[in-house]
C-alpha cells in the first residue's frame, strides 16, 4: 500500500504519539511502532508500510489520519 501525505510534520507527530521510534532512511524516515509495524515516510510525501499483514486495523487508523490532513 502506498499513500500520499501533504502534512509530514503532523503525520510524524501522530506516529510518535503512538510510540513510534524514527530512524533516517534514504529520502525520508522510517517509523517503528511497538506492534512491529514499519511506516516509511519519504520526503516527497509518499508513505509505505512494512510488516503490515496482521496489522490492518493500525494501518487503517494511519490511513484515516492521512486522509483527514
Protein backbone atom coordinates (compact mmCIF):
# COMPACT_ATOMS: atom_id res chain seq x y z
CA UNK A 1 0.00 0.00 0.00
CA UNK A 2 1.26 3.44 -0.93
CA UNK A 3 -0.29 6.67 0.30
CA UNK A 4 0.45 10.34 -0.25
CA UNK A 5 0.64 12.73 2.73
CA UNK A 6 0.59 16.51 2.40
CA UNK A 7 1.49 17.32 6.01
CA UNK A 8 4.54 15.29 7.04
CA UNK A 9 5.16 17.06 10.39
CA UNK A 10 1.60 16.25 11.51
CA UNK A 11 1.97 12.60 10.45
CA UNK A 12 5.33 12.30 12.20
CA UNK A 13 3.84 13.73 15.41
CA UNK A 14 0.90 11.33 15.13
CA UNK A 15 3.20 8.33 14.74
CA UNK A 16 5.45 9.44 17.60
CA UNK A 17 2.32 9.84 19.74
CA UNK A 18 1.61 6.16 19.09
CA UNK A 19 5.04 5.29 20.49
CA UNK A 20 6.91 5.06 17.19
CA UNK A 21 10.68 5.46 17.09
CA UNK A 22 12.15 7.00 13.95
CA UNK A 23 15.40 6.48 12.13
CA UNK A 24 16.69 8.10 8.95
CA UNK A 25 16.42 6.23 5.65
CA UNK A 26 17.31 7.33 2.12
CA UNK A 27 14.99 10.22 1.24
CA UNK A 28 12.97 10.11 4.47
CA UNK A 29 12.36 8.44 7.83
CA UNK A 30 11.25 5.00 8.97
CA UNK A 31 8.98 4.79 12.00
CA UNK A 32 8.91 1.58 14.00
CA UNK A 33 5.76 1.17 16.07
CA UNK A 34 5.56 -1.01 19.19
CA UNK A 35 3.42 -3.53 17.26
CA UNK A 36 6.27 -4.13 14.79
CA UNK A 37 4.62 -2.13 12.02
CA UNK A 38 7.12 -0.10 9.99
CA UNK A 39 5.99 3.12 8.34
CA UNK A 40 8.28 4.67 5.73
CA UNK A 41 7.68 8.40 5.32
CA UNK A 42 9.52 9.85 2.35
CA UNK A 43 10.49 13.49 1.90
CA UNK A 44 8.12 14.00 -1.06
CA UNK A 45 5.10 12.74 0.90
CA UNK A 46 4.93 9.07 -0.07
CA UNK A 47 4.05 6.75 2.81
CA UNK A 48 4.53 2.97 2.67
CA UNK A 49 4.12 0.15 5.18
CA UNK A 50 6.15 -2.93 6.03
CA UNK A 51 5.27 -5.88 8.32
CA UNK A 52 1.58 -4.99 8.00
CA UNK A 53 -0.03 -8.34 7.14
CA UNK A 54 -1.63 -8.76 10.58
CA UNK A 55 -1.90 -5.07 11.45
CA UNK A 56 -4.73 -3.92 9.17
CA UNK A 57 -6.52 -2.03 11.97
CA UNK A 58 -3.42 0.02 12.74
CA UNK A 59 -2.74 0.67 9.04
CA UNK A 60 -6.36 1.73 8.58
CA UNK A 61 -6.09 4.17 11.51
CA UNK A 62 -2.97 5.77 9.98
CA UNK A 63 -4.64 5.91 6.55
CA UNK A 64 -7.68 7.68 8.03
CA UNK A 65 -5.40 10.20 9.77
CA UNK A 66 -3.57 10.94 6.49
CA UNK A 67 -6.85 11.38 4.62
CA UNK A 68 -8.00 13.99 7.18
CA UNK A 69 -4.93 16.15 6.57
